Amino acid sequence: RLLRASVKPCLVTPAQFRELHSLLLAYDGSG
């Protein structure tokens, strides 16, 4: 519900933490 209403960037995290060394970006040319 928050994600649907939010206007700010949101980071949704799983139950296990891991350091951020590798990022995957989904891109389709849309706005």
PDB file of all heavy atoms in Angstrom:
ATOM      1  N   ARG A   1       0.834  -1.206   0.000  1.00  0.00           N
ATOM      2  CA  ARG A   1       0.000   0.000   0.000  1.00  0.00           C
ATOM      3  C   ARG A   1       0.871   1.260   0.000  1.00  0.00           C
ATOM      4  O   ARG A   1       0.558   2.247  -0.670  1.00  0.00           O
ATOM      5  CB  ARG A   1      -0.932  -0.008   1.215  1.00  0.00           C
ATOM      6  CG  ARG A   1      -2.140  -0.928   1.040  1.00  0.00           C
ATOM      7  CD  ARG A   1      -3.119  -0.787   2.187  1.00  0.00           C
ATOM      8  NE  ARG A   1      -2.605  -1.378   3.407  1.00  0.00           N
ATOM      9  CZ  ARG A   1      -2.564  -0.767   4.582  1.00  0.00           C
ATOM     10  NH1 ARG A   1      -2.988   0.484   4.702  1.00  0.00           N
ATOM     11  NH2 ARG A   1      -2.104  -1.389   5.650  1.00  0.00           N
ATOM     12  N   LEU A   2       1.961   1.215   0.746  1.00  0.00           N
ATOM     13  CA  LEU A   2       2.859   2.370   0.777  1.00  0.00           C
ATOM     14  C   LEU A   2       3.516   2.579  -0.580  1.00  0.00           C
ATOM     15  O   LEU A   2       3.604   3.709  -1.068  1.00  0.00           O
ATOM     16  CB  LEU A   2       3.929   2.191   1.849  1.00  0.00           C
ATOM     17  CG  LEU A   2       4.958   3.322   1.898  1.00  0.00           C
ATOM     18  CD1 LEU A   2       4.309   4.615   2.363  1.00  0.00           C
ATOM     19  CD2 LEU A   2       6.131   2.969   2.787  1.00  0.00           C
ATOM     20  N   LEU A   3       3.960   1.495  -1.206  1.00  0.00           N
ATOM     21  CA  LEU A   3       4.619   1.609  -2.502  1.00  0.00           C
ATOM     22  C   LEU A   3       3.681   2.182  -3.558  1.00  0.00           C
ATOM     23  O   LEU A   3       4.111   2.923  -4.432  1.00  0.00           O
ATOM     24  CB  LEU A   3       5.138   0.239  -2.955  1.00  0.00           C
ATOM     25  CG  LEU A   3       6.252  -0.371  -2.114  1.00  0.00           C
ATOM     26  CD1 LEU A   3       6.597  -1.759  -2.630  1.00  0.00           C
ATOM     27  CD2 LEU A   3       7.484   0.512  -2.092  1.00  0.00           C
ATOM     28  N   ARG A   4       2.418   1.861  -3.472  1.00  0.00           N
ATOM     29  CA  ARG A   4       1.453   2.379  -4.437  1.00  0.00           C
ATOM     30  C   ARG A   4       1.218   3.878  -4.237  1.00  0.00           C
ATOM     31  O   ARG A   4       0.939   4.607  -5.171  1.00  0.00           O
ATOM     32  CB  ARG A   4       0.128   1.623  -4.315  1.00  0.00           C
ATOM     33  CG  ARG A   4       0.210   0.163  -4.743  1.00  0.00           C
ATOM     34  CD  ARG A   4      -1.151  -0.511  -4.605  1.00  0.00           C
ATOM     35  NE  ARG A   4      -1.065  -1.947  -4.838  1.00  0.00           N
ATOM     36  CZ  ARG A   4      -1.041  -2.523  -6.031  1.00  0.00           C
ATOM     37  NH1 ARG A   4      -1.092  -1.762  -7.110  1.00  0.00           N
ATOM     38  NH2 ARG A   4      -0.957  -3.824  -6.154  1.00  0.00           N
ATOM     39  N   ALA A   5       1.329   4.329  -2.983  1.00  0.00           N
ATOM     40  CA  ALA A   5       1.024   5.730  -2.671  1.00  0.00           C
ATOM     41  C   ALA A   5       2.260   6.625  -2.637  1.00  0.00           C
ATOM     42  O   ALA A   5       2.149   7.835  -2.768  1.00  0.00           O
ATOM     43  CB  ALA A   5       0.310   5.809  -1.320  1.00  0.00           C
ATOM     44  N   SER A   6       3.423   6.035  -2.471  1.00  0.00           N
ATOM     45  CA  SER A   6       4.640   6.823  -2.293  1.00  0.00           C
ATOM     46  C   SER A   6       5.031   7.575  -3.559  1.00  0.00           C
ATOM     47  O   SER A   6       4.763   7.131  -4.680  1.00  0.00           O
ATOM     48  CB  SER A   6       5.796   5.902  -1.885  1.00  0.00           C
ATOM     49  OG  SER A   6       7.010   6.620  -1.824  1.00  0.00           O
ATOM     50  N   VAL A   7       5.688   8.717  -3.362  1.00  0.00           N
ATOM     51  CA  VAL A   7       6.225   9.483  -4.489  1.00  0.00           C
ATOM     52  C   VAL A   7       7.752   9.552  -4.408  1.00  0.00           C
ATOM     53  O   VAL A   7       8.381  10.227  -5.216  1.00  0.00           O
ATOM     54  CB  VAL A   7       5.634  10.906  -4.532  1.00  0.00           C
ATOM     55  CG1 VAL A   7       4.143  10.851  -4.757  1.00  0.00           C
ATOM     56  CG2 VAL A   7       5.955  11.680  -3.253  1.00  0.00           C
ATOM     57  N   LYS A   8       8.342   8.853  -3.458  1.00  0.00           N
ATOM     58  CA  LYS A   8       9.788   8.866  -3.268  1.00  0.00           C
ATOM     59  C   LYS A   8      10.405   7.535  -3.678  1.00  0.00           C
ATOM     60  O   LYS A   8       9.716   6.500  -3.690  1.00  0.00           O
ATOM     61  CB  LYS A   8      10.125   9.154  -1.800  1.00  0.00           C
ATOM     62  CG  LYS A   8       9.677  10.519  -1.296  1.00  0.00           C
ATOM     63  CD  LYS A   8      10.431  11.636  -1.987  1.00  0.00           C
ATOM     64  CE  LYS A   8       9.974  13.017  -1.522  1.00  0.00           C
ATOM     65  NZ  LYS A   8      10.406  13.327  -0.156  1.00  0.00           N
ATOM     66  N   PRO A   9      11.686   7.518  -4.023  1.00  0.00           N
ATOM     67  CA  PRO A   9      12.349   6.242  -4.288  1.00  0.00           C
ATOM     68  C   PRO A   9      12.236   5.323  -3.072  1.00  0.00           C
ATOM     69  O   PRO A   9      12.377   5.787  -1.928  1.00  0.00           O
ATOM     70  CB  PRO A   9      13.805   6.640  -4.543  1.00  0.00           C
ATOM     71  CG  PRO A   9      13.749   8.079  -4.935  1.00  0.00           C
ATOM     72  CD  PRO A   9      12.597   8.665  -4.180  1.00  0.00           C
ATOM     73  N   CYS A  10      11.965   4.051  -3.316  1.00  0.00           N
ATOM     74  CA  CYS A  10      11.797   3.088  -2.226  1.00  0.00           C
ATOM     75  C   CYS A  10      12.713   1.889  -2.430  1.00  0.00           C
ATOM     76  O   CYS A  10      12.766   1.327  -3.529  1.00  0.00           O
ATOM     77  CB  CYS A  10      10.351   2.612  -2.144  1.00  0.00           C
ATOM     78  SG  CYS A  10       9.161   3.873  -1.663  1.00  0.00           S
ATOM     79  N   LEU A  11      13.394   1.509  -1.365  1.00  0.00           N
ATOM     80  CA  LEU A  11      14.224   0.308  -1.381  1.00  0.00           C
ATOM     81  C   LEU A  11      13.509  -0.752  -0.559  1.00  0.00           C
ATOM     82  O   LEU A  11      13.285  -0.572   0.640  1.00  0.00           O
ATOM     83  CB  LEU A  11      15.602   0.597  -0.796  1.00  0.00           C
ATOM     84  CG  LEU A  11      16.560  -0.606  -0.721  1.00  0.00           C
ATOM     85  CD1 LEU A  11      16.957  -1.066  -2.127  1.00  0.00           C
ATOM     86  CD2 LEU A  11      17.805  -0.265   0.096  1.00  0.00           C
ATOM     87  N   VAL A  12      13.129  -1.854  -1.212  1.00  0.00           N
ATOM     88  CA  VAL A  12      12.429  -2.949  -0.543  1.00  0.00           C
ATOM     89  C   VAL A  12      13.416  -4.090  -0.370  1.00  0.00           C
ATOM     90  O   VAL A  12      13.981  -4.593  -1.352  1.00  0.00           O
ATOM     91  CB  VAL A  12      11.206  -3.403  -1.362  1.00  0.00           C
ATOM     92  CG1 VAL A  12      10.450  -4.503  -0.628  1.00  0.00           C
ATOM     93  CG2 VAL A  12      10.284  -2.217  -1.633  1.00  0.00           C
ATOM     94  N   THR A  13      13.641  -4.493   0.884  1.00  0.00           N
ATOM     95  CA  THR A  13      14.738  -5.416   1.188  1.00  0.00           C
ATOM     96  C   THR A  13      14.234  -6.779   1.653  1.00  0.00           C
ATOM     97  O   THR A  13      13.202  -6.866   2.306  1.00  0.00           O
ATOM     98  CB  THR A  13      15.649  -4.827   2.277  1.00  0.00           C
ATOM     99  OG1 THR A  13      14.904  -4.697   3.498  1.00  0.00           O
ATOM    100  CG2 THR A  13      16.159  -3.451   1.873  1.00  0.00           C
ATOM    101  N   PRO A  14      14.970  -7.850   1.330  1.00  0.00           N
ATOM    102  CA  PRO A  14      14.608  -9.206   1.769  1.00  0.00           C
ATOM    103  C   PRO A  14      15.081  -9.456   3.200  1.00  0.00           C
ATOM    104  O   PRO A  14      15.576  -8.547   3.870  1.00  0.00           O
ATOM    105  CB  PRO A  14      15.356 -10.088   0.769  1.00  0.00           C
ATOM    106  CG  PRO A  14      16.596  -9.290   0.457  1.00  0.00           C
ATOM    107  CD  PRO A  14      16.175  -7.840   0.483  1.00  0.00           C
ATOM    108  N   ALA A  15      14.950 -10.688   3.646  1.00  0.00           N
ATOM    109  CA  ALA A  15      15.251 -11.022   5.044  1.00  0.00           C
ATOM    110  C   ALA A  15      16.742 -11.157   5.324  1.00  0.00           C
ATOM    111  O   ALA A  15      17.158 -11.136   6.486  1.00  0.00           O
ATOM    112  CB  ALA A  15      14.534 -12.309   5.442  1.00  0.00           C
ATOM    113  N   GLN A  16      17.556 -11.309   4.287  1.00  0.00           N
ATOM    114  CA  GLN A  16      18.997 -11.486   4.467  1.00  0.00           C
ATOM    115  C   GLN A  16      19.758 -10.315   3.874  1.00  0.00           C
ATOM    116  O   GLN A  16      19.496  -9.909   2.744  1.00  0.00           O
ATOM    117  CB  GLN A  16      19.469 -12.794   3.818  1.00  0.00           C
ATOM    118  CG  GLN A  16      18.820 -14.049   4.396  1.00  0.00           C
ATOM    119  CD  GLN A  16      19.178 -14.262   5.850  1.00  0.00           C
ATOM    120  OE1 GLN A  16      20.309 -13.991   6.270  1.00  0.00           O
ATOM    121  NE2 GLN A  16      18.233 -14.754   6.625  1.00  0.00           N
ATOM    122  N   PHE A  17      20.728  -9.811   4.638  1.00  0.00           N
ATOM    123  CA  PHE A  17      21.543  -8.686   4.177  1.00  0.00           C
ATOM    124  C   PHE A  17      22.747  -9.178   3.384  1.00  0.00           C
ATOM    125  O   PHE A  17      23.327 -10.215   3.692  1.00  0.00           O
ATOM    126  CB  PHE A  17      22.038  -7.879   5.387  1.00  0.00           C
ATOM    127  CG  PHE A  17      23.031  -6.806   5.031  1.00  0.00           C
ATOM    128  CD1 PHE A  17      22.622  -5.601   4.511  1.00  0.00           C
ATOM    129  CD2 PHE A  17      24.403  -7.021   5.200  1.00  0.00           C
ATOM    130  CE1 PHE A  17      23.529  -4.608   4.172  1.00  0.00           C
ATOM    131  CE2 PHE A  17      25.322  -6.043   4.867  1.00  0.00           C
ATOM    132  CZ  PHE A  17      24.886  -4.834   4.358  1.00  0.00           C
ATOM    133  N   ARG A  18      23.110  -8.410   2.357  1.00  0.00           N
ATOM    134  CA  ARG A  18      24.352  -8.665   1.619  1.00  0.00           C
ATOM    135  C   ARG A  18      24.903  -7.325   1.151  1.00  0.00           C
ATOM    136  O   ARG A  18      24.155  -6.388   0.873  1.00  0.00           O
ATOM    137  CB  ARG A  18      24.127  -9.622   0.437  1.00  0.00           C
ATOM    138  CG  ARG A  18      23.062  -9.179  -0.530  1.00  0.00           C
ATOM    139  CD  ARG A  18      22.628 -10.315  -1.458  1.00  0.00           C
ATOM    140  NE  ARG A  18      23.616 -10.617  -2.480  1.00  0.00           N
ATOM    141  CZ  ARG A  18      23.463 -11.581  -3.385  1.00  0.00           C
ATOM    142  NH1 ARG A  18      22.382 -12.343  -3.364  1.00  0.00           N
ATOM    143  NH2 ARG A  18      24.389 -11.799  -4.295  1.00  0.00           N
ATOM    144  N   GLU A  19      26.214  -7.229   1.082  1.00  0.00           N
ATOM    145  CA  GLU A  19      26.855  -5.995   0.628  1.00  0.00           C
ATOM    146  C   GLU A  19      26.501  -5.738  -0.835  1.00  0.00           C
ATOM    147  O   GLU A  19      26.275  -6.676  -1.622  1.00  0.00           O
ATOM    148  CB  GLU A  19      28.374  -6.099   0.785  1.00  0.00           C
ATOM    149  CG  GLU A  19      28.849  -6.242   2.223  1.00  0.00           C
ATOM    150  CD  GLU A  19      28.747  -4.949   3.024  1.00  0.00           C
ATOM    151  OE1 GLU A  19      28.500  -3.881   2.409  1.00  0.00           O
ATOM    152  OE2 GLU A  19      28.902  -5.001   4.251  1.00  0.00           O
ATOM    153  N   LEU A  20      26.457  -4.469  -1.198  1.00  0.00           N
ATOM    154  CA  LEU A  20      26.050  -4.089  -2.548  1.00  0.00           C
ATOM    155  C   LEU A  20      27.274  -3.849  -3.431  1.00  0.00           C
ATOM    156  O   LEU A  20      27.866  -2.775  -3.415  1.00  0.00           O
ATOM    157  CB  LEU A  20      25.177  -2.830  -2.495  1.00  0.00           C
ATOM    158  CG  LEU A  20      23.914  -2.938  -1.639  1.00  0.00           C
ATOM    159  CD1 LEU A  20      23.138  -1.629  -1.661  1.00  0.00           C
ATOM    160  CD2 LEU A  20      23.031  -4.091  -2.104  1.00  0.00           C
ATOM    161  N   HIS A  21      27.642  -4.877  -4.189  1.00  0.00           N
ATOM    162  CA  HIS A  21      28.791  -4.780  -5.092  1.00  0.00           C
ATOM    163  C   HIS A  21      28.386  -4.846  -6.564  1.00  0.00           C
ATOM    164  O   HIS A  21      29.132  -4.401  -7.430  1.00  0.00           O
ATOM    165  CB  HIS A  21      29.785  -5.913  -4.811  1.00  0.00           C
ATOM    166  CG  HIS A  21      30.336  -5.905  -3.422  1.00  0.00           C
ATOM    167  ND1 HIS A  21      31.084  -4.859  -2.923  1.00  0.00           N
ATOM    168  CD2 HIS A  21      30.232  -6.814  -2.418  1.00  0.00           C
ATOM    169  CE1 HIS A  21      31.443  -5.125  -1.672  1.00  0.00           C
ATOM    170  NE2 HIS A  21      30.935  -6.288  -1.344  1.00  0.00           N
ATOM    171  N   SER A  22      27.207  -5.422  -6.834  1.00  0.00           N
ATOM    172  CA  SER A  22      26.782  -5.651  -8.212  1.00  0.00           C
ATOM    173  C   SER A  22      25.321  -5.262  -8.370  1.00  0.00           C
ATOM    174  O   SER A  22      24.452  -5.773  -7.657  1.00  0.00           O
ATOM    175  CB  SER A  22      26.976  -7.126  -8.583  1.00  0.00           C
ATOM    176  OG  SER A  22      26.463  -7.398  -9.864  1.00  0.00           O
ATOM    177  N   LEU A  23      25.035  -4.350  -9.310  1.00  0.00           N
ATOM    178  CA  LEU A  23      23.678  -3.846  -9.520  1.00  0.00           C
ATOM    179  C   LEU A  23      23.156  -4.301 -10.880  1.00  0.00           C
ATOM    180  O   LEU A  23      23.885  -4.287 -11.868  1.00  0.00           O
ATOM    181  CB  LEU A  23      23.661  -2.319  -9.479  1.00  0.00           C
ATOM    182  CG  LEU A  23      23.657  -1.606  -8.127  1.00  0.00           C
ATOM    183  CD1 LEU A  23      24.821  -2.038  -7.250  1.00  0.00           C
ATOM    184  CD2 LEU A  23      23.673  -0.096  -8.331  1.00  0.00           C
ATOM    185  N   LEU A  24      21.885  -4.719 -10.903  1.00  0.00           N
ATOM    186  CA  LEU A  24      21.202  -5.050 -12.150  1.00  0.00           C
ATOM    187  C   LEU A  24      20.123  -4.004 -12.394  1.00  0.00           C
ATOM    188  O   LEU A  24      19.237  -3.802 -11.556  1.00  0.00           O
ATOM    189  CB  LEU A  24      20.570  -6.434 -12.089  1.00  0.00           C
ATOM    190  CG  LEU A  24      19.763  -6.844 -13.333  1.00  0.00           C
ATOM    191  CD1 LEU A  24      20.676  -7.013 -14.539  1.00  0.00           C
ATOM    192  CD2 LEU A  24      18.976  -8.127 -13.088  1.00  0.00           C
ATOM    193  N   LEU A  25      20.189  -3.332 -13.541  1.00  0.00           N
ATOM    194  CA  LEU A  25      19.245  -2.273 -13.880  1.00  0.00           C
ATOM    195  C   LEU A  25      18.340  -2.735 -15.017  1.00  0.00           C
ATOM    196  O   LEU A  25      18.827  -3.090 -16.092  1.00  0.00           O
ATOM    197  CB  LEU A  25      19.998  -1.014 -14.291  1.00  0.00           C
ATOM    198  CG  LEU A  25      19.181   0.104 -14.934  1.00  0.00           C
ATOM    199  CD1 LEU A  25      18.249   0.740 -13.918  1.00  0.00           C
ATOM    200  CD2 LEU A  25      20.087   1.164 -15.540  1.00  0.00           C
ATOM    201  N   ALA A  26      17.029  -2.730 -14.777  1.00  0.00           N
ATOM    202  CA  ALA A  26      16.066  -3.076 -15.817  1.00  0.00           C
ATOM    203  C   ALA A  26      15.735  -1.825 -16.612  1.00  0.00           C
ATOM    204  O   ALA A  26      15.311  -0.814 -16.052  1.00  0.00           O
ATOM    205  CB  ALA A  26      14.806  -3.658 -15.187  1.00  0.00           C
ATOM    206  N   TYR A  27      15.909  -1.906 -17.937  1.00  0.00           N
ATOM    207  CA  TYR A  27      15.762  -0.715 -18.786  1.00  0.00           C
ATOM    208  C   TYR A  27      15.019  -1.072 -20.059  1.00  0.00           C
ATOM    209  O   TYR A  27      15.369  -2.031 -20.752  1.00  0.00           O
ATOM    210  CB  TYR A  27      17.140  -0.150 -19.132  1.00  0.00           C
ATOM    211  CG  TYR A  27      17.089   1.138 -19.924  1.00  0.00           C
ATOM    212  CD1 TYR A  27      16.746   2.336 -19.313  1.00  0.00           C
ATOM    213  CD2 TYR A  27      17.370   1.146 -21.283  1.00  0.00           C
ATOM    214  CE1 TYR A  27      16.682   3.518 -20.035  1.00  0.00           C
ATOM    215  CE2 TYR A  27      17.317   2.327 -22.017  1.00  0.00           C
ATOM    216  CZ  TYR A  27      16.974   3.508 -21.385  1.00  0.00           C
ATOM    217  OH  TYR A  27      16.910   4.672 -22.104  1.00  0.00           O
ATOM    218  N   ASP A  28      13.961  -0.293 -20.377  1.00  0.00           N
ATOM    219  CA  ASP A  28      13.217  -0.540 -21.613  1.00  0.00           C
ATOM    220  C   ASP A  28      13.017   0.718 -22.444  1.00  0.00           C
ATOM    221  O   ASP A  28      12.249   0.719 -23.410  1.00  0.00           O
ATOM    222  CB  ASP A  28      11.863  -1.191 -21.306  1.00  0.00           C
ATOM    223  CG  ASP A  28      10.935  -0.293 -20.486  1.00  0.00           C
ATOM    224  OD1 ASP A  28      11.296   0.877 -20.227  1.00  0.00           O
ATOM    225  OD2 ASP A  28       9.847  -0.764 -20.100  1.00  0.00           O
ATOM    226  N   GLY A  29      13.680   1.797 -22.087  1.00  0.00           N
ATOM    227  CA  GLY A  29      13.572   3.028 -22.846  1.00  0.00           C
ATOM    228  C   GLY A  29      12.386   3.901 -22.476  1.00  0.00           C
ATOM    229  O   GLY A  29      12.254   5.011 -22.997  1.00  0.00           O
ATOM    230  N   SER A  30      11.517   3.434 -21.571  1.00  0.00           N
ATOM    231  CA  SER A  30      10.360   4.220 -21.156  1.00  0.00           C
ATOM    232  C   SER A  30      10.792   5.343 -20.221  1.00  0.00           C
ATOM    233  O   SER A  30      11.923   5.370 -19.721  1.00  0.00           O
ATOM    234  CB  SER A  30       9.340   3.327 -20.441  1.00  0.00           C
ATOM    235  OG  SER A  30       9.888   2.848 -19.220  1.00  0.00           O
ATOM    236  N   GLY A  31       9.868   6.273 -19.969  1.00  0.00           N
ATOM    237  CA  GLY A  31      10.188   7.385 -19.075  1.00  0.00           C
ATOM    238  C   GLY A  31      10.576   6.935 -17.690  1.00  0.00           C
ATOM    239  O   GLY A  31      11.537   7.447 -17.109  1.00  0.00           O
TER     240      GLY A  31
END
